[in-house]
Amino acid sequence: MNSVQNLPNLGVGIGYREPFRADLFLHRPQIDFLEITSDHYLDATAKKNEELELLRQHFPLIPHGLNLSLGSAEGVDEKYLEKLAALLEKLRPAWFSEHVCFTKSGGVDIGHLAPVPFTRESLEVLKRNVFRVKEFIKTPFILENITYTLRFPFSEMDEAEFIGELVEETDCGLLLDATNLYINSVNHLYDWREFLDKLPPERIVQLHFVGSHRHDGNLLIDAHADRTEDEIWNVFREVCVKSNIKGAVLERDENFPPFSAILEEVTTA
């Protein structure tokens, strides 16, 4: 059974960032929904709780997590899971999302989204942790692809096969980051179209998009700081042809342009 096929169509939104706050309310009709960072509201101050309530009253919200660490062999942090469940119970979103990665090892927070090796053992760890999350939280769950510079030489399958099998066997949706896909394809010299062809299209629920950034004139990185370029729009279009996308989110974290430029990209999407 595919539990994600009947999710609602939310439209096009942006990742909530505090510098956008006033402009969001000035242009409310042009923003279909907001994606919020779950972690910012798990141990929230009174001010952050007030902010969350204000956003909830005016926009559909989709929580997007950073630190569930689904790739950790020691399993998910149960206290973190309880806090996340409480947030989702409060918001009752259409779905929530996390990354295919690990952020903790041996109880130590490593401070970034680290890739997992594409091996059977790693896949079993991810499946076990995803099943634990789904046992605890009944909100539909979707998983996102990340960028990576390290490629494990002992991987047993490619990333598309790995992610496809993960979402199929756990009955999760896929949050396909078009920018991450394009960046990885350039940095690791593969065809992003072939990658897309290997994914189960009916599993793709949501898109992320933003411009890529060339670091030191060579490596592309996902800095969330640039206008979406034509190559990434090409990925975006191709995914929309293949899949019934329920939502797309512009992720901009720094180097903020005038809000009119943000709205232009939302309109294009």
C-alpha atoms as a PDB file:
ATOM      1  CA  MET A   1       0.000   0.000   0.000  1.00  0.00           C
ATOM      2  CA  ASN A   2       1.207   3.522  -0.793  1.00  0.00           C
ATOM      3  CA  SER A   3       0.063   5.723   2.075  1.00  0.00           C
ATOM      4  CA  VAL A   4       1.263   8.960   0.448  1.00  0.00           C
ATOM      5  CA  GLN A   5      -0.828   8.965  -2.726  1.00  0.00           C
ATOM      6  CA  ASN A   6      -3.861  10.559  -1.064  1.00  0.00           C
ATOM      7  CA  LEU A   7      -2.051  13.436   0.634  1.00  0.00           C
ATOM      8  CA  PRO A   8      -3.517  16.907  -0.032  1.00  0.00           C
ATOM      9  CA  ASN A   9      -2.082  19.278  -2.633  1.00  0.00           C
ATOM     10  CA  LEU A  10      -0.589  22.164  -0.660  1.00  0.00           C
ATOM     11  CA  GLY A  11       0.850  24.172  -3.559  1.00  0.00           C
ATOM     12  CA  VAL A  12       4.047  26.248  -3.382  1.00  0.00           C
ATOM     13  CA  GLY A  13       5.494  27.615  -0.171  1.00  0.00           C
ATOM     14  CA  ILE A  14       8.717  28.772   1.399  1.00  0.00           C
ATOM     15  CA  GLY A  15      10.832  27.707   4.312  1.00  0.00           C
ATOM     16  CA  TYR A  16       9.983  30.039   7.186  1.00  0.00           C
ATOM     17  CA  ARG A  17      12.868  32.314   8.187  1.00  0.00           C
ATOM     18  CA  GLU A  18      12.466  35.166  10.657  1.00  0.00           C
ATOM     19  CA  PRO A  19      13.682  37.910   8.255  1.00  0.00           C
ATOM     20  CA  PHE A  20      10.696  37.059   6.018  1.00  0.00           C
ATOM     21  CA  ARG A  21       8.138  37.368   8.781  1.00  0.00           C
ATOM     22  CA  ALA A  22       6.619  40.795   8.013  1.00  0.00           C
ATOM     23  CA  ASP A  23       6.672  40.203   4.253  1.00  0.00           C
ATOM     24  CA  LEU A  24       4.896  36.864   4.658  1.00  0.00           C
ATOM     25  CA  PHE A  25       1.880  38.554   6.174  1.00  0.00           C
ATOM     26  CA  LEU A  26       1.953  41.368   3.621  1.00  0.00           C
ATOM     27  CA  HIS A  27       1.829  38.799   0.800  1.00  0.00           C
ATOM     28  CA  ARG A  28      -0.249  36.112   2.464  1.00  0.00           C
ATOM     29  CA  PRO A  29      -2.329  35.174  -0.665  1.00  0.00           C
ATOM     30  CA  GLN A  30       0.825  34.365  -2.668  1.00  0.00           C
ATOM     31  CA  ILE A  31       2.246  31.864  -0.165  1.00  0.00           C
ATOM     32  CA  ASP A  32       0.342  28.571  -0.055  1.00  0.00           C
ATOM     33  CA  PHE A  33       2.088  27.099   2.985  1.00  0.00           C
ATOM     34  CA  LEU A  34       5.192  27.325   5.161  1.00  0.00           C
ATOM     35  CA  GLU A  35       7.768  24.727   6.005  1.00  0.00           C
ATOM     36  CA  ILE A  36       9.090  25.225   9.538  1.00  0.00           C
ATOM     37  CA  THR A  37      12.209  23.722  11.105  1.00  0.00           C
ATOM     38  CA  SER A  38      10.877  21.292  13.705  1.00  0.00           C
ATOM     39  CA  ASP A  39      13.941  21.620  15.924  1.00  0.00           C
ATOM     40  CA  HIS A  40      13.329  25.335  16.490  1.00  0.00           C
ATOM     41  CA  TYR A  41      10.115  24.515  18.375  1.00  0.00           C
ATOM     42  CA  LEU A  42      10.953  21.376  20.363  1.00  0.00           C
ATOM     43  CA  ASP A  43      12.353  23.191  23.419  1.00  0.00           C
ATOM     44  CA  ALA A  44      10.741  26.475  22.530  1.00  0.00           C
ATOM     45  CA  THR A  45      10.813  29.692  24.505  1.00  0.00           C
ATOM     46  CA  ALA A  46       7.557  31.529  25.102  1.00  0.00           C
ATOM     47  CA  LYS A  47       8.479  33.836  22.210  1.00  0.00           C
ATOM     48  CA  LYS A  48       8.989  30.920  19.801  1.00  0.00           C
ATOM     49  CA  ASN A  49       5.715  29.338  20.909  1.00  0.00           C
ATOM     50  CA  GLU A  50       3.921  32.625  20.231  1.00  0.00           C
ATOM     51  CA  GLU A  51       5.535  32.754  16.807  1.00  0.00           C
ATOM     52  CA  LEU A  52       4.456  29.187  16.068  1.00  0.00           C
ATOM     53  CA  GLU A  53       0.874  29.947  17.067  1.00  0.00           C
ATOM     54  CA  LEU A  54       0.813  33.069  14.886  1.00  0.00           C
ATOM     55  CA  LEU A  55       2.104  31.132  11.880  1.00  0.00           C
ATOM     56  CA  ARG A  56      -0.309  28.262  12.517  1.00  0.00           C
ATOM     57  CA  GLN A  57      -3.281  30.614  12.520  1.00  0.00           C
ATOM     58  CA  HIS A  58      -2.433  32.014   9.085  1.00  0.00           C
ATOM     59  CA  PHE A  59      -0.649  29.287   7.094  1.00  0.00           C
ATOM     60  CA  PRO A  60      -0.687  25.513   6.700  1.00  0.00           C
ATOM     61  CA  LEU A  61       2.580  24.353   8.323  1.00  0.00           C
ATOM     62  CA  ILE A  62       4.832  21.423   7.394  1.00  0.00           C
ATOM     63  CA  PRO A  63       7.523  20.518   9.976  1.00  0.00           C
ATOM     64  CA  HIS A  64      10.945  19.652   8.570  1.00  0.00           C
ATOM     65  CA  GLY A  65      13.439  18.077  10.977  1.00  0.00           C
ATOM     66  CA  LEU A  66      17.214  18.205  11.253  1.00  0.00           C
ATOM     67  CA  ASN A  67      18.275  15.966  14.111  1.00  0.00           C
ATOM     68  CA  LEU A  68      16.267  12.758  14.159  1.00  0.00           C
ATOM     69  CA  SER A  69      19.409  11.024  12.850  1.00  0.00           C
ATOM     70  CA  LEU A  70      17.666   8.167  11.070  1.00  0.00           C
ATOM     71  CA  GLY A  71      20.992   6.681   9.996  1.00  0.00           C
ATOM     72  CA  SER A  72      22.337   6.215  13.540  1.00  0.00           C
ATOM     73  CA  ALA A  73      23.066   2.567  14.327  1.00  0.00           C
ATOM     74  CA  GLU A  74      22.184   3.108  18.015  1.00  0.00           C
ATOM     75  CA  GLY A  75      18.619   4.030  17.057  1.00  0.00           C
ATOM     76  CA  VAL A  76      16.616   7.207  17.358  1.00  0.00           C
ATOM     77  CA  ASP A  77      16.715   9.341  20.491  1.00  0.00           C
ATOM     78  CA  GLU A  78      13.468   8.525  22.320  1.00  0.00           C
ATOM     79  CA  LYS A  79      13.328  11.857  24.168  1.00  0.00           C
ATOM     80  CA  TYR A  80      13.734  13.740  20.904  1.00  0.00           C
ATOM     81  CA  LEU A  81      11.034  11.551  19.372  1.00  0.00           C
ATOM     82  CA  GLU A  82       8.635  12.368  22.214  1.00  0.00           C
ATOM     83  CA  LYS A  83       9.171  16.108  21.730  1.00  0.00           C
ATOM     84  CA  LEU A  84       8.671  15.779  17.986  1.00  0.00           C
ATOM     85  CA  ALA A  85       5.483  13.787  18.512  1.00  0.00           C
ATOM     86  CA  ALA A  86       4.129  16.518  20.812  1.00  0.00           C
ATOM     87  CA  LEU A  87       4.835  19.183  18.179  1.00  0.00           C
ATOM     88  CA  LEU A  88       3.088  17.177  15.486  1.00  0.00           C
ATOM     89  CA  GLU A  89       0.125  16.530  17.767  1.00  0.00           C
ATOM     90  CA  LYS A  90      -0.202  20.296  18.224  1.00  0.00           C
ATOM     91  CA  LEU A  91       0.100  21.163  14.533  1.00  0.00           C
ATOM     92  CA  ARG A  92      -1.559  18.127  12.907  1.00  0.00           C
ATOM     93  CA  PRO A  93       0.216  18.763   9.594  1.00  0.00           C
ATOM     94  CA  ALA A  94      -0.479  16.986   6.304  1.00  0.00           C
ATOM     95  CA  TRP A  95       2.979  15.362   6.609  1.00  0.00           C
ATOM     96  CA  PHE A  96       6.400  15.904   8.163  1.00  0.00           C
ATOM     97  CA  SER A  97       9.898  15.298   6.839  1.00  0.00           C
ATOM     98  CA  GLU A  98      13.455  14.391   7.746  1.00  0.00           C
ATOM     99  CA  HIS A  99      16.747  13.621   5.984  1.00  0.00           C
ATOM    100  CA  VAL A 100      18.306  10.335   4.893  1.00  0.00           C
ATOM    101  CA  CYS A 101      21.456  10.843   6.958  1.00  0.00           C
ATOM    102  CA  PHE A 102      22.869  10.650  10.457  1.00  0.00           C
ATOM    103  CA  THR A 103      23.674  13.557  12.759  1.00  0.00           C
ATOM    104  CA  LYS A 104      24.698  11.612  15.860  1.00  0.00           C
ATOM    105  CA  SER A 105      27.124   8.780  16.492  1.00  0.00           C
ATOM    106  CA  GLY A 106      27.870   7.138  19.808  1.00  0.00           C
ATOM    107  CA  GLY A 107      25.696   9.756  21.498  1.00  0.00           C
ATOM    108  CA  VAL A 108      27.765  12.615  20.059  1.00  0.00           C
ATOM    109  CA  ASP A 109      26.047  15.280  17.935  1.00  0.00           C
ATOM    110  CA  ILE A 110      28.320  15.796  14.924  1.00  0.00           C
ATOM    111  CA  GLY A 111      26.679  19.076  13.923  1.00  0.00           C
ATOM    112  CA  HIS A 112      25.832  18.421  10.286  1.00  0.00           C
ATOM    113  CA  LEU A 113      23.919  16.087   7.979  1.00  0.00           C
ATOM    114  CA  ALA A 114      26.288  13.206   7.269  1.00  0.00           C
ATOM    115  CA  PRO A 115      25.690  10.722   4.439  1.00  0.00           C
ATOM    116  CA  VAL A 116      25.190   7.037   5.060  1.00  0.00           C
ATOM    117  CA  PRO A 117      26.936   4.357   2.989  1.00  0.00           C
ATOM    118  CA  PHE A 118      24.604   2.811   0.435  1.00  0.00           C
ATOM    119  CA  THR A 119      24.863  -0.705   1.838  1.00  0.00           C
ATOM    120  CA  ARG A 120      22.353  -3.350   2.923  1.00  0.00           C
ATOM    121  CA  GLU A 121      23.433  -2.944   6.535  1.00  0.00           C
ATOM    122  CA  SER A 122      22.896   0.810   6.425  1.00  0.00           C
ATOM    123  CA  LEU A 123      19.524   0.329   4.736  1.00  0.00           C
ATOM    124  CA  GLU A 124      18.420  -2.014   7.530  1.00  0.00           C
ATOM    125  CA  VAL A 125      19.429   0.578  10.152  1.00  0.00           C
ATOM    126  CA  LEU A 126      17.408   3.264   8.384  1.00  0.00           C
ATOM    127  CA  LYS A 127      14.394   1.001   7.961  1.00  0.00           C
ATOM    128  CA  ARG A 128      14.456   0.028  11.631  1.00  0.00           C
ATOM    129  CA  ASN A 129      14.637   3.668  12.739  1.00  0.00           C
ATOM    130  CA  VAL A 130      11.938   4.814  10.315  1.00  0.00           C
ATOM    131  CA  PHE A 131       9.642   2.042  11.521  1.00  0.00           C
ATOM    132  CA  ARG A 132      10.243   3.174  15.094  1.00  0.00           C
ATOM    133  CA  VAL A 133       9.282   6.744  14.176  1.00  0.00           C
ATOM    134  CA  LYS A 134       6.164   5.542  12.358  1.00  0.00           C
ATOM    135  CA  GLU A 135       5.215   3.354  15.311  1.00  0.00           C
ATOM    136  CA  PHE A 136       5.353   6.418  17.570  1.00  0.00           C
ATOM    137  CA  ILE A 137       3.994   9.071  15.159  1.00  0.00           C
ATOM    138  CA  LYS A 138       1.062   8.455  12.830  1.00  0.00           C
ATOM    139  CA  THR A 139       1.495  11.598  10.690  1.00  0.00           C
ATOM    140  CA  PRO A 140       2.613  10.699   7.122  1.00  0.00           C
ATOM    141  CA  PHE A 141       6.408  10.704   6.955  1.00  0.00           C
ATOM    142  CA  ILE A 142       8.565  11.743   3.998  1.00  0.00           C
ATOM    143  CA  LEU A 143      12.355  11.479   3.594  1.00  0.00           C
ATOM    144  CA  GLU A 144      14.797  13.860   1.901  1.00  0.00           C
ATOM    145  CA  ASN A 145      17.963  13.254  -0.130  1.00  0.00           C
ATOM    146  CA  ILE A 146      21.029  15.244   0.999  1.00  0.00           C
ATOM    147  CA  THR A 147      24.173  16.541  -0.681  1.00  0.00           C
ATOM    148  CA  TYR A 148      27.481  14.849   0.099  1.00  0.00           C
ATOM    149  CA  THR A 149      31.133  15.248  -0.818  1.00  0.00           C
ATOM    150  CA  LEU A 150      32.224  11.877   0.595  1.00  0.00           C
ATOM    151  CA  ARG A 151      31.427   8.759  -1.429  1.00  0.00           C
ATOM    152  CA  PHE A 152      31.912   5.456   0.360  1.00  0.00           C
ATOM    153  CA  PRO A 153      33.909   3.037  -1.827  1.00  0.00           C
ATOM    154  CA  PHE A 154      32.191   0.028  -0.212  1.00  0.00           C
ATOM    155  CA  SER A 155      28.639   1.070  -1.157  1.00  0.00           C
ATOM    156  CA  GLU A 156      26.614  -1.838  -2.576  1.00  0.00           C
ATOM    157  CA  MET A 157      24.078   0.146  -4.627  1.00  0.00           C
ATOM    158  CA  ASP A 158      23.696   3.639  -5.990  1.00  0.00           C
ATOM    159  CA  GLU A 159      21.832   6.364  -4.123  1.00  0.00           C
ATOM    160  CA  ALA A 160      18.676   6.260  -6.248  1.00  0.00           C
ATOM    161  CA  GLU A 161      18.273   2.509  -5.732  1.00  0.00           C
ATOM    162  CA  PHE A 162      18.991   2.919  -2.015  1.00  0.00           C
ATOM    163  CA  ILE A 163      16.454   5.703  -1.494  1.00  0.00           C
ATOM    164  CA  GLY A 164      13.864   4.017  -3.696  1.00  0.00           C
ATOM    165  CA  GLU A 165      14.067   0.804  -1.729  1.00  0.00           C
ATOM    166  CA  LEU A 166      13.975   2.704   1.569  1.00  0.00           C
ATOM    167  CA  VAL A 167      10.773   4.609   0.810  1.00  0.00           C
ATOM    168  CA  GLU A 168       9.072   1.592  -0.756  1.00  0.00           C
ATOM    169  CA  GLU A 169       9.826  -0.791   2.109  1.00  0.00           C
ATOM    170  CA  THR A 170       8.931   1.709   4.843  1.00  0.00           C
ATOM    171  CA  ASP A 171       5.876   3.073   2.991  1.00  0.00           C
ATOM    172  CA  CYS A 172       7.219   6.637   3.221  1.00  0.00           C
ATOM    173  CA  GLY A 173       7.070   9.506   0.780  1.00  0.00           C
ATOM    174  CA  LEU A 174      10.064  11.222  -0.753  1.00  0.00           C
ATOM    175  CA  LEU A 175      10.996  14.864  -0.315  1.00  0.00           C
ATOM    176  CA  LEU A 176      13.119  15.258  -3.417  1.00  0.00           C
ATOM    177  CA  ASP A 177      15.517  18.170  -3.126  1.00  0.00           C
ATOM    178  CA  ALA A 178      16.004  19.204  -6.762  1.00  0.00           C
ATOM    179  CA  THR A 179      19.013  21.338  -5.842  1.00  0.00           C
ATOM    180  CA  ASN A 180      20.696  18.525  -3.922  1.00  0.00           C
ATOM    181  CA  LEU A 181      20.114  16.148  -6.819  1.00  0.00           C
ATOM    182  CA  TYR A 182      21.615  18.577  -9.328  1.00  0.00           C
ATOM    183  CA  ILE A 183      24.601  19.364  -7.082  1.00  0.00           C
ATOM    184  CA  ASN A 184      25.403  15.696  -6.500  1.00  0.00           C
ATOM    185  CA  SER A 185      25.084  14.940 -10.212  1.00  0.00           C
ATOM    186  CA  VAL A 186      27.629  17.649 -11.078  1.00  0.00           C
ATOM    187  CA  ASN A 187      30.052  16.887  -8.240  1.00  0.00           C
ATOM    188  CA  HIS A 188      29.932  13.117  -8.726  1.00  0.00           C
ATOM    189  CA  LEU A 189      29.604  13.069 -12.521  1.00  0.00           C
ATOM    190  CA  TYR A 190      26.314  11.310 -13.113  1.00  0.00           C
ATOM    191  CA  ASP A 191      23.138  12.082 -15.061  1.00  0.00           C
ATOM    192  CA  TRP A 192      20.362  13.356 -12.807  1.00  0.00           C
ATOM    193  CA  ARG A 193      17.770  12.145 -15.337  1.00  0.00           C
ATOM    194  CA  GLU A 194      18.970   8.570 -14.919  1.00  0.00           C
ATOM    195  CA  PHE A 195      18.745   9.053 -11.149  1.00  0.00           C
ATOM    196  CA  LEU A 196      15.130  10.185 -11.485  1.00  0.00           C
ATOM    197  CA  ASP A 197      14.290   7.218 -13.693  1.00  0.00           C
ATOM    198  CA  LYS A 198      15.290   4.853 -10.867  1.00  0.00           C
ATOM    199  CA  LEU A 199      13.049   6.474  -8.252  1.00  0.00           C
ATOM    200  CA  PRO A 200       9.438   5.358  -7.699  1.00  0.00           C
ATOM    201  CA  PRO A 201       7.640   8.451  -9.066  1.00  0.00           C
ATOM    202  CA  GLU A 202       4.467   7.855  -7.057  1.00  0.00           C
ATOM    203  CA  ARG A 203       6.490   8.236  -3.847  1.00  0.00           C
ATOM    204  CA  ILE A 204       7.648  11.814  -4.576  1.00  0.00           C
ATOM    205  CA  VAL A 205       5.478  14.074  -2.412  1.00  0.00           C
ATOM    206  CA  GLN A 206       7.398  17.332  -2.096  1.00  0.00           C
ATOM    207  CA  LEU A 207      10.220  19.278  -3.716  1.00  0.00           C
ATOM    208  CA  HIS A 208      12.854  21.607  -2.313  1.00  0.00           C
ATOM    209  CA  PHE A 209      14.545  24.121  -4.573  1.00  0.00           C
ATOM    210  CA  VAL A 210      17.034  26.989  -4.317  1.00  0.00           C
ATOM    211  CA  GLY A 211      20.136  28.040  -6.231  1.00  0.00           C
ATOM    212  CA  SER A 212      23.415  26.151  -6.011  1.00  0.00           C
ATOM    213  CA  HIS A 213      26.699  27.846  -5.137  1.00  0.00           C
ATOM    214  CA  ARG A 214      30.125  27.186  -6.645  1.00  0.00           C
ATOM    215  CA  HIS A 215      32.758  26.995  -3.907  1.00  0.00           C
ATOM    216  CA  ASP A 216      36.323  28.025  -4.833  1.00  0.00           C
ATOM    217  CA  GLY A 217      35.323  27.935  -8.489  1.00  0.00           C
ATOM    218  CA  ASN A 218      34.954  24.173  -8.494  1.00  0.00           C
ATOM    219  CA  LEU A 219      32.733  22.232  -6.085  1.00  0.00           C
ATOM    220  CA  LEU A 220      29.011  22.979  -6.047  1.00  0.00           C
ATOM    221  CA  ILE A 221      27.502  23.350  -2.567  1.00  0.00           C
ATOM    222  CA  ASP A 222      24.009  23.749  -1.179  1.00  0.00           C
ATOM    223  CA  ALA A 223      24.366  27.084   0.616  1.00  0.00           C
ATOM    224  CA  HIS A 224      20.647  28.028   0.416  1.00  0.00           C
ATOM    225  CA  ALA A 225      21.899  31.480  -0.547  1.00  0.00           C
ATOM    226  CA  ASP A 226      21.367  31.896  -4.288  1.00  0.00           C
ATOM    227  CA  ARG A 227      18.626  32.379  -6.840  1.00  0.00           C
ATOM    228  CA  THR A 228      17.436  29.160  -8.476  1.00  0.00           C
ATOM    229  CA  GLU A 229      19.244  28.734 -11.794  1.00  0.00           C
ATOM    230  CA  ASP A 230      17.951  27.291 -15.071  1.00  0.00           C
ATOM    231  CA  GLU A 231      19.580  23.888 -14.560  1.00  0.00           C
ATOM    232  CA  ILE A 232      17.697  23.367 -11.299  1.00  0.00           C
ATOM    233  CA  TRP A 233      14.446  24.573 -12.838  1.00  0.00           C
ATOM    234  CA  ASN A 234      15.013  21.850 -15.450  1.00  0.00           C
ATOM    235  CA  VAL A 235      15.194  19.250 -12.678  1.00  0.00           C
ATOM    236  CA  PHE A 236      12.090  20.769 -11.079  1.00  0.00           C
ATOM    237  CA  ARG A 237      10.119  20.563 -14.348  1.00  0.00           C
ATOM    238  CA  GLU A 238      11.178  16.999 -15.043  1.00  0.00           C
ATOM    239  CA  VAL A 239      10.086  15.832 -11.597  1.00  0.00           C
ATOM    240  CA  CYS A 240       6.713  17.525 -12.067  1.00  0.00           C
ATOM    241  CA  VAL A 241       6.256  15.708 -15.383  1.00  0.00           C
ATOM    242  CA  LYS A 242       6.977  12.337 -13.766  1.00  0.00           C
ATOM    243  CA  SER A 243       5.218  12.763 -10.415  1.00  0.00           C
ATOM    244  CA  ASN A 244       2.108  14.222  -8.822  1.00  0.00           C
ATOM    245  CA  ILE A 245       3.884  16.703  -6.552  1.00  0.00           C
ATOM    246  CA  LYS A 246       1.854  17.768  -3.500  1.00  0.00           C
ATOM    247  CA  GLY A 247       4.031  20.699  -2.496  1.00  0.00           C
ATOM    248  CA  ALA A 248       7.209  22.612  -3.355  1.00  0.00           C
ATOM    249  CA  VAL A 249       9.264  24.758  -1.001  1.00  0.00           C
ATOM    250  CA  LEU A 250      11.852  27.428  -1.710  1.00  0.00           C
ATOM    251  CA  GLU A 251      14.644  27.119   0.877  1.00  0.00           C
ATOM    252  CA  ARG A 252      16.533  30.377   1.359  1.00  0.00           C
ATOM    253  CA  ASP A 253      18.693  30.722   4.471  1.00  0.00           C
ATOM    254  CA  GLU A 254      21.026  33.643   3.822  1.00  0.00           C
ATOM    255  CA  ASN A 255      21.986  36.362   1.344  1.00  0.00           C
ATOM    256  CA  PHE A 256      18.325  37.368   1.379  1.00  0.00           C
ATOM    257  CA  PRO A 257      17.102  39.307  -1.656  1.00  0.00           C
ATOM    258  CA  PRO A 258      14.145  41.706  -1.664  1.00  0.00           C
ATOM    259  CA  PHE A 259      11.002  39.697  -0.960  1.00  0.00           C
ATOM    260  CA  SER A 260       9.763  40.480  -4.475  1.00  0.00           C
ATOM    261  CA  ALA A 261      12.550  38.220  -5.787  1.00  0.00           C
ATOM    262  CA  ILE A 262      11.383  35.419  -3.478  1.00  0.00           C
ATOM    263  CA  LEU A 263       7.847  35.842  -4.800  1.00  0.00           C
ATOM    264  CA  GLU A 264       9.117  35.668  -8.391  1.00  0.00           C
ATOM    265  CA  GLU A 265      10.598  32.234  -7.710  1.00  0.00           C
ATOM    266  CA  VAL A 266       7.436  31.082  -5.950  1.00  0.00           C
ATOM    267  CA  THR A 267       5.414  32.238  -8.973  1.00  0.00           C
ATOM    268  CA  THR A 268       7.764  30.381 -11.346  1.00  0.00           C
ATOM    269  CA  ALA A 269       7.374  27.218  -9.273  1.00  0.00           C
END
